[in-house]
Amino acid sequence: MGSEARMTNAVASARLTRGWTQQRLASVTQVSRQTIIAIEKGDYEPSTSLSLKLALALGVAVEDLFA
């Protein structure tokens, strides 16, 4: 069995630049803190809708958050 590649993203970096906690970002995007943790670790690939919410909340382009 091969290991799955993790998605790289800049969510944590963008969140920290904004001075937000994981809980704040979770509240603004209406997901759980655990979801934010999983996204930041690359364990969870968000839907297009959630990706757009994250980008809007963080004031960056979706392309800048996800590689």
PDB file of N, CA and C in Angstrom:
ATOM      1  N   MET A   1       0.831  -1.186   0.000  1.00  0.00           N
ATOM      2  CA  MET A   1       0.000   0.000   0.000  1.00  0.00           C
ATOM      3  C   MET A   1       0.875   1.249   0.000  1.00  0.00           C
ATOM      4  N   GLY A   2       0.590   2.178  -0.904  1.00  0.00           N
ATOM      5  CA  GLY A   2       1.336   3.428  -0.964  1.00  0.00           C
ATOM      6  C   GLY A   2       0.740   4.451  -0.012  1.00  0.00           C
ATOM      7  N   SER A   3       1.568   5.370   0.406  1.00  0.00           N
ATOM      8  CA  SER A   3       1.043   6.424   1.269  1.00  0.00           C
ATOM      9  C   SER A   3       0.433   7.521   0.407  1.00  0.00           C
ATOM     10  N   GLU A   4      -0.629   8.103   0.897  1.00  0.00           N
ATOM     11  CA  GLU A   4      -1.297   9.171   0.160  1.00  0.00           C
ATOM     12  C   GLU A   4      -0.523  10.467   0.323  1.00  0.00           C
ATOM     13  N   ALA A   5      -0.454  11.230  -0.749  1.00  0.00           N
ATOM     14  CA  ALA A   5       0.220  12.528  -0.700  1.00  0.00           C
ATOM     15  C   ALA A   5      -0.674  13.519   0.034  1.00  0.00           C
ATOM     16  N   ARG A   6      -0.052  14.316   0.871  1.00  0.00           N
ATOM     17  CA  ARG A   6      -0.807  15.350   1.567  1.00  0.00           C
ATOM     18  C   ARG A   6      -0.834  16.612   0.732  1.00  0.00           C
ATOM     19  N   MET A   7      -1.955  17.278   0.783  1.00  0.00           N
ATOM     20  CA  MET A   7      -2.108  18.533   0.066  1.00  0.00           C
ATOM     21  C   MET A   7      -1.367  19.629   0.825  1.00  0.00           C
ATOM     22  N   THR A   8      -0.586  20.409   0.128  1.00  0.00           N
ATOM     23  CA  THR A   8       0.090  21.515   0.799  1.00  0.00           C
ATOM     24  C   THR A   8      -0.778  22.759   0.701  1.00  0.00           C
ATOM     25  N   ASN A   9      -0.760  23.532   1.762  1.00  0.00           N
ATOM     26  CA  ASN A   9      -1.543  24.756   1.745  1.00  0.00           C
ATOM     27  C   ASN A   9      -0.912  25.804   2.650  1.00  0.00           C
ATOM     28  N   ALA A  10      -1.394  27.015   2.502  1.00  0.00           N
ATOM     29  CA  ALA A  10      -0.869  28.140   3.270  1.00  0.00           C
ATOM     30  C   ALA A  10      -1.916  28.690   4.225  1.00  0.00           C
ATOM     31  N   VAL A  11      -2.859  27.845   4.634  1.00  0.00           N
ATOM     32  CA  VAL A  11      -3.939  28.300   5.510  1.00  0.00           C
ATOM     33  C   VAL A  11      -3.386  28.772   6.851  1.00  0.00           C
ATOM     34  N   ALA A  12      -2.526  27.986   7.470  1.00  0.00           N
ATOM     35  CA  ALA A  12      -1.981  28.372   8.778  1.00  0.00           C
ATOM     36  C   ALA A  12      -1.203  29.677   8.679  1.00  0.00           C
ATOM     37  N   SER A  13      -0.401  29.802   7.647  1.00  0.00           N
ATOM     38  CA  SER A  13       0.396  31.013   7.454  1.00  0.00           C
ATOM     39  C   SER A  13      -0.496  32.240   7.276  1.00  0.00           C
ATOM     40  N   ALA A  14      -1.514  32.113   6.440  1.00  0.00           N
ATOM     41  CA  ALA A  14      -2.433  33.231   6.207  1.00  0.00           C
ATOM     42  C   ALA A  14      -3.213  33.566   7.478  1.00  0.00           C
ATOM     43  N   ARG A  15      -3.582  32.536   8.211  1.00  0.00           N
ATOM     44  CA  ARG A  15      -4.324  32.752   9.461  1.00  0.00           C
ATOM     45  C   ARG A  15      -3.456  33.485  10.480  1.00  0.00           C
ATOM     46  N   LEU A  16      -2.215  33.048  10.618  1.00  0.00           N
ATOM     47  CA  LEU A  16      -1.310  33.688  11.576  1.00  0.00           C
ATOM     48  C   LEU A  16      -0.971  35.118  11.171  1.00  0.00           C
ATOM     49  N   THR A  17      -0.830  35.358   9.865  1.00  0.00           N
ATOM     50  CA  THR A  17      -0.580  36.712   9.371  1.00  0.00           C
ATOM     51  C   THR A  17      -1.714  37.640   9.775  1.00  0.00           C
ATOM     52  N   ARG A  18      -2.915  37.105   9.782  1.00  0.00           N
ATOM     53  CA  ARG A  18      -4.104  37.889  10.152  1.00  0.00           C
ATOM     54  C   ARG A  18      -4.245  38.005  11.681  1.00  0.00           C
ATOM     55  N   GLY A  19      -3.474  37.190  12.411  1.00  0.00           N
ATOM     56  CA  GLY A  19      -3.538  37.227  13.871  1.00  0.00           C
ATOM     57  C   GLY A  19      -4.708  36.468  14.452  1.00  0.00           C
ATOM     58  N   TRP A  20      -5.216  35.515  13.690  1.00  0.00           N
ATOM     59  CA  TRP A  20      -6.379  34.743  14.120  1.00  0.00           C
ATOM     60  C   TRP A  20      -5.981  33.402  14.711  1.00  0.00           C
ATOM     61  N   THR A  21      -6.789  32.937  15.653  1.00  0.00           N
ATOM     62  CA  THR A  21      -6.656  31.579  16.178  1.00  0.00           C
ATOM     63  C   THR A  21      -7.382  30.624  15.235  1.00  0.00           C
ATOM     64  N   GLN A  22      -7.120  29.347  15.412  1.00  0.00           N
ATOM     65  CA  GLN A  22      -7.855  28.346  14.639  1.00  0.00           C
ATOM     66  C   GLN A  22      -9.345  28.443  14.941  1.00  0.00           C
ATOM     67  N   GLN A  23      -9.683  28.707  16.197  1.00  0.00           N
ATOM     68  CA  GLN A  23     -11.091  28.802  16.579  1.00  0.00           C
ATOM     69  C   GLN A  23     -11.774  29.977  15.892  1.00  0.00           C
ATOM     70  N   ARG A  24     -11.080  31.100  15.779  1.00  0.00           N
ATOM     71  CA  ARG A  24     -11.655  32.272  15.116  1.00  0.00           C
ATOM     72  C   ARG A  24     -11.941  31.963  13.651  1.00  0.00           C
ATOM     73  N   LEU A  25     -10.976  31.353  12.973  1.00  0.00           N
ATOM     74  CA  LEU A  25     -11.181  31.001  11.562  1.00  0.00           C
ATOM     75  C   LEU A  25     -12.315  29.993  11.422  1.00  0.00           C
ATOM     76  N   ALA A  26     -12.373  29.051  12.327  1.00  0.00           N
ATOM     77  CA  ALA A  26     -13.452  28.062  12.301  1.00  0.00           C
ATOM     78  C   ALA A  26     -14.814  28.739  12.460  1.00  0.00           C
ATOM     79  N   SER A  27     -14.900  29.674  13.380  1.00  0.00           N
ATOM     80  CA  SER A  27     -16.162  30.382  13.609  1.00  0.00           C
ATOM     81  C   SER A  27     -16.580  31.192  12.390  1.00  0.00           C
ATOM     82  N   VAL A  28     -15.634  31.897  11.810  1.00  0.00           N
ATOM     83  CA  VAL A  28     -15.933  32.742  10.650  1.00  0.00           C
ATOM     84  C   VAL A  28     -16.370  31.898   9.449  1.00  0.00           C
ATOM     85  N   THR A  29     -15.777  30.741   9.281  1.00  0.00           N
ATOM     86  CA  THR A  29     -16.105  29.888   8.135  1.00  0.00           C
ATOM     87  C   THR A  29     -17.154  28.829   8.454  1.00  0.00           C
ATOM     88  N   GLN A  30     -17.637  28.833   9.679  1.00  0.00           N
ATOM     89  CA  GLN A  30     -18.721  27.946  10.123  1.00  0.00           C
ATOM     90  C   GLN A  30     -18.367  26.461  10.005  1.00  0.00           C
ATOM     91  N   VAL A  31     -17.140  26.133  10.440  1.00  0.00           N
ATOM     92  CA  VAL A  31     -16.716  24.735  10.539  1.00  0.00           C
ATOM     93  C   VAL A  31     -16.139  24.533  11.935  1.00  0.00           C
ATOM     94  N   SER A  32     -15.803  23.303  12.261  1.00  0.00           N
ATOM     95  CA  SER A  32     -15.221  23.038  13.572  1.00  0.00           C
ATOM     96  C   SER A  32     -13.729  23.372  13.578  1.00  0.00           C
ATOM     97  N   ARG A  33     -13.208  23.586  14.759  1.00  0.00           N
ATOM     98  CA  ARG A  33     -11.762  23.820  14.902  1.00  0.00           C
ATOM     99  C   ARG A  33     -10.999  22.596  14.416  1.00  0.00           C
ATOM    100  N   GLN A  34     -11.540  21.420  14.648  1.00  0.00           N
ATOM    101  CA  GLN A  34     -10.896  20.185  14.203  1.00  0.00           C
ATOM    102  C   GLN A  34     -10.764  20.162  12.680  1.00  0.00           C
ATOM    103  N   THR A  35     -11.742  20.715  11.978  1.00  0.00           N
ATOM    104  CA  THR A  35     -11.665  20.797  10.518  1.00  0.00           C
ATOM    105  C   THR A  35     -10.523  21.706  10.098  1.00  0.00           C
ATOM    106  N   ILE A  36     -10.371  22.848  10.767  1.00  0.00           N
ATOM    107  CA  ILE A  36      -9.273  23.766  10.458  1.00  0.00           C
ATOM    108  C   ILE A  36      -7.931  23.087  10.718  1.00  0.00           C
ATOM    109  N   ILE A  37      -7.831  22.377  11.832  1.00  0.00           N
ATOM    110  CA  ILE A  37      -6.596  21.650  12.155  1.00  0.00           C
ATOM    111  C   ILE A  37      -6.271  20.651  11.033  1.00  0.00           C
ATOM    112  N   ALA A  38      -7.257  19.877  10.620  1.00  0.00           N
ATOM    113  CA  ALA A  38      -7.042  18.860   9.583  1.00  0.00           C
ATOM    114  C   ALA A  38      -6.644  19.499   8.250  1.00  0.00           C
ATOM    115  N   ILE A  39      -7.249  20.622   7.906  1.00  0.00           N
ATOM    116  CA  ILE A  39      -6.895  21.322   6.670  1.00  0.00           C
ATOM    117  C   ILE A  39      -5.458  21.813   6.747  1.00  0.00           C
ATOM    118  N   GLU A  40      -5.103  22.451   7.861  1.00  0.00           N
ATOM    119  CA  GLU A  40      -3.754  22.992   8.011  1.00  0.00           C
ATOM    120  C   GLU A  40      -2.690  21.897   7.977  1.00  0.00           C
ATOM    121  N   LYS A  41      -3.001  20.731   8.505  1.00  0.00           N
ATOM    122  CA  LYS A  41      -2.059  19.607   8.503  1.00  0.00           C
ATOM    123  C   LYS A  41      -2.008  18.904   7.152  1.00  0.00           C
ATOM    124  N   GLY A  42      -2.954  19.211   6.274  1.00  0.00           N
ATOM    125  CA  GLY A  42      -3.008  18.543   4.980  1.00  0.00           C
ATOM    126  C   GLY A  42      -3.713  17.209   5.020  1.00  0.00           C
ATOM    127  N   ASP A  43      -4.411  16.939   6.121  1.00  0.00           N
ATOM    128  CA  ASP A  43      -5.122  15.671   6.269  1.00  0.00           C
ATOM    129  C   ASP A  43      -6.519  15.708   5.650  1.00  0.00           C
ATOM    130  N   TYR A  44      -7.000  16.903   5.348  1.00  0.00           N
ATOM    131  CA  TYR A  44      -8.355  17.058   4.819  1.00  0.00           C
ATOM    132  C   TYR A  44      -8.326  18.083   3.699  1.00  0.00           C
ATOM    133  N   GLU A  45      -8.872  17.721   2.558  1.00  0.00           N
ATOM    134  CA  GLU A  45      -8.955  18.625   1.421  1.00  0.00           C
ATOM    135  C   GLU A  45     -10.351  19.255   1.416  1.00  0.00           C
ATOM    136  N   PRO A  46     -10.434  20.557   1.646  1.00  0.00           N
ATOM    137  CA  PRO A  46     -11.745  21.195   1.726  1.00  0.00           C
ATOM    138  C   PRO A  46     -12.458  21.242   0.379  1.00  0.00           C
ATOM    139  N   SER A  47     -13.773  21.312   0.449  1.00  0.00           N
ATOM    140  CA  SER A  47     -14.581  21.456  -0.757  1.00  0.00           C
ATOM    141  C   SER A  47     -14.284  22.806  -1.407  1.00  0.00           C
ATOM    142  N   THR A  48     -14.747  22.962  -2.620  1.00  0.00           N
ATOM    143  CA  THR A  48     -14.579  24.244  -3.310  1.00  0.00           C
ATOM    144  C   THR A  48     -15.252  25.359  -2.521  1.00  0.00           C
ATOM    145  N   SER A  49     -16.430  25.076  -2.014  1.00  0.00           N
ATOM    146  CA  SER A  49     -17.174  26.069  -1.242  1.00  0.00           C
ATOM    147  C   SER A  49     -16.403  26.498   0.004  1.00  0.00           C
ATOM    148  N   LEU A  50     -15.867  25.535   0.742  1.00  0.00           N
ATOM    149  CA  LEU A  50     -15.108  25.861   1.949  1.00  0.00           C
ATOM    150  C   LEU A  50     -13.798  26.555   1.594  1.00  0.00           C
ATOM    151  N   SER A  51     -13.171  26.149   0.507  1.00  0.00           N
ATOM    152  CA  SER A  51     -11.940  26.809   0.071  1.00  0.00           C
ATOM    153  C   SER A  51     -12.196  28.286  -0.211  1.00  0.00           C
ATOM    154  N   LEU A  52     -13.322  28.573  -0.851  1.00  0.00           N
ATOM    155  CA  LEU A  52     -13.688  29.958  -1.140  1.00  0.00           C
ATOM    156  C   LEU A  52     -13.971  30.734   0.141  1.00  0.00           C
ATOM    157  N   LYS A  53     -14.654  30.099   1.104  1.00  0.00           N
ATOM    158  CA  LYS A  53     -14.918  30.745   2.392  1.00  0.00           C
ATOM    159  C   LYS A  53     -13.618  31.069   3.122  1.00  0.00           C
ATOM    160  N   LEU A  54     -12.678  30.124   3.106  1.00  0.00           N
ATOM    161  CA  LEU A  54     -11.391  30.340   3.762  1.00  0.00           C
ATOM    162  C   LEU A  54     -10.648  31.507   3.128  1.00  0.00           C
ATOM    163  N   ALA A  55     -10.609  31.519   1.800  1.00  0.00           N
ATOM    164  CA  ALA A  55      -9.910  32.589   1.089  1.00  0.00           C
ATOM    165  C   ALA A  55     -10.549  33.948   1.375  1.00  0.00           C
ATOM    166  N   LEU A  56     -11.848  34.005   1.337  1.00  0.00           N
ATOM    167  CA  LEU A  56     -12.554  35.254   1.609  1.00  0.00           C
ATOM    168  C   LEU A  56     -12.295  35.724   3.036  1.00  0.00           C
ATOM    169  N   ALA A  57     -12.392  34.821   3.991  1.00  0.00           N
ATOM    170  CA  ALA A  57     -12.174  35.165   5.397  1.00  0.00           C
ATOM    171  C   ALA A  57     -10.755  35.661   5.636  1.00  0.00           C
ATOM    172  N   LEU A  58      -9.792  35.053   4.949  1.00  0.00           N
ATOM    173  CA  LEU A  58      -8.387  35.392   5.168  1.00  0.00           C
ATOM    174  C   LEU A  58      -7.897  36.520   4.255  1.00  0.00           C
ATOM    175  N   GLY A  59      -8.748  36.945   3.337  1.00  0.00           N
ATOM    176  CA  GLY A  59      -8.398  38.061   2.466  1.00  0.00           C
ATOM    177  C   GLY A  59      -7.329  37.735   1.440  1.00  0.00           C
ATOM    178  N   VAL A  60      -7.335  36.493   0.960  1.00  0.00           N
ATOM    179  CA  VAL A  60      -6.362  36.059  -0.045  1.00  0.00           C
ATOM    180  C   VAL A  60      -7.087  35.307  -1.162  1.00  0.00           C
ATOM    181  N   ALA A  61      -6.394  35.098  -2.261  1.00  0.00           N
ATOM    182  CA  ALA A  61      -6.950  34.310  -3.364  1.00  0.00           C
ATOM    183  C   ALA A  61      -6.876  32.830  -3.032  1.00  0.00           C
ATOM    184  N   VAL A  62      -7.835  32.072  -3.515  1.00  0.00           N
ATOM    185  CA  VAL A  62      -7.833  30.625  -3.301  1.00  0.00           C
ATOM    186  C   VAL A  62      -6.514  30.028  -3.794  1.00  0.00           C
ATOM    187  N   GLU A  63      -6.040  30.521  -4.931  1.00  0.00           N
ATOM    188  CA  GLU A  63      -4.793  30.010  -5.506  1.00  0.00           C
ATOM    189  C   GLU A  63      -3.608  30.225  -4.590  1.00  0.00           C
ATOM    190  N   ASP A  64      -3.690  31.253  -3.741  1.00  0.00           N
ATOM    191  CA  ASP A  64      -2.600  31.520  -2.799  1.00  0.00           C
ATOM    192  C   ASP A  64      -2.659  30.609  -1.573  1.00  0.00           C
ATOM    193  N   LEU A  65      -3.826  30.014  -1.326  1.00  0.00           N
ATOM    194  CA  LEU A  65      -3.963  29.120  -0.168  1.00  0.00           C
ATOM    195  C   LEU A  65      -3.595  27.683  -0.489  1.00  0.00           C
ATOM    196  N   PHE A  66      -3.955  27.224  -1.679  1.00  0.00           N
ATOM    197  CA  PHE A  66      -3.793  25.802  -2.005  1.00  0.00           C
ATOM    198  C   PHE A  66      -2.930  25.596  -3.231  1.00  0.00           C
ATOM    199  N   ALA A  67      -1.986  24.681  -3.113  1.00  0.00           N
ATOM    200  CA  ALA A  67      -1.073  24.364  -4.225  1.00  0.00           C
ATOM    201  C   ALA A  67      -1.561  23.140  -4.958  1.00  0.00           C
TER     202      ALA A  67
END
